[in-house]
Each structure stands twice: as structure tokens, then as C-alpha cells.
Amino acid sequence: MAKSSAWDNALLQLLFNNNNAANIGDTTGLRGSSTAGSLYVSLHTADPTASGNQSSYETTYTGYARVGVARSSSGWTVTTNSVSPAALISFPPCTAGTSTITYFGVGTASNGNGTLLYSGTVTPNISVASGVTPQLTTSSTITES
């Protein structure tokens, strides 16, 4: 069963911008968190898949760490059933090793096997080697379908 476009957008705004989803439950709707917190962006060398978690195929170059992005409009832009970073996301630079980044993920944990909420492709792929600082731009997009 498909979801409506309006619900797709409301769901993304709830998760990424911490906005209430109107007309669900009580008069305030399905409410955002009292403390919005962050979502954690990860880099992957292959598709982490719908059954994966945040560490599935996660890159392991030396110096790598997930990056926290605020659950707000300053962290994420939600439009027409898609979400993108509101600003450049820079990961720690590689100090050793190599990796080819093909996917990014958005999840709930700063490290470990956290829940992977969404993933998307990285185009073009990012070739990581010593001295390279991987970045996701505002054109990195996840679409709700």
C-alpha cells in the first residue's frame, strides 16, 4: 500500500526537522521530541540494505567517525518528499588506508550497530586515501517512497 505524498513529506519533517505531523492523535498531532538531538551520518563502501544497520559496509579508513547533524531545518532540508543536508557535511580526514565511498546512511547512533533510518547513493563515488576529507554536499538526497 502506497503512502500519500503529504504523509511522505510529514514523516520526513518529523524525523529530520523535528516538526509535528498534524492531525494524527491529539490536537497537536504526532509531536516531535522535546529535545530534538541529532541524527548520525555514516559512509559506506556498499549498499547497507534495508536489513542492515549503521555499521553494515561502513568504511574503516583511519580517522573516520560518523558525523552528528541536528534534527532541525538548520541540519536538513525537506522538500517534495526528499531530504538533503542543509549544509556541507565534512567527515574527519583519512590519516591512513583507502576506501571507496558509494553510499551514505542516516541513523540513530554515533557509533556501533545503530538503527539505520535511511541510506542513499554517493554520486560520484568518493575515493578516500591519506589526506582526503570526505564530504557530502547539499545535493546528497534521500527520497521517501
Foldseek 3Di string as FASTA:
>chain_A
DDDDQLVLLLVLLCLQAQQARQDDDDRRHRGGDPAQWWKWKFFAQDPLDPPGFRPRRTDDAPQWWIDTFTSRCQQWDGDRQKIFGNAKDKTTAGQADKGKTFKMFIFDDRDDRTHTPFMFTDPPIDIHGHPDIDMDGRPGMDGDD
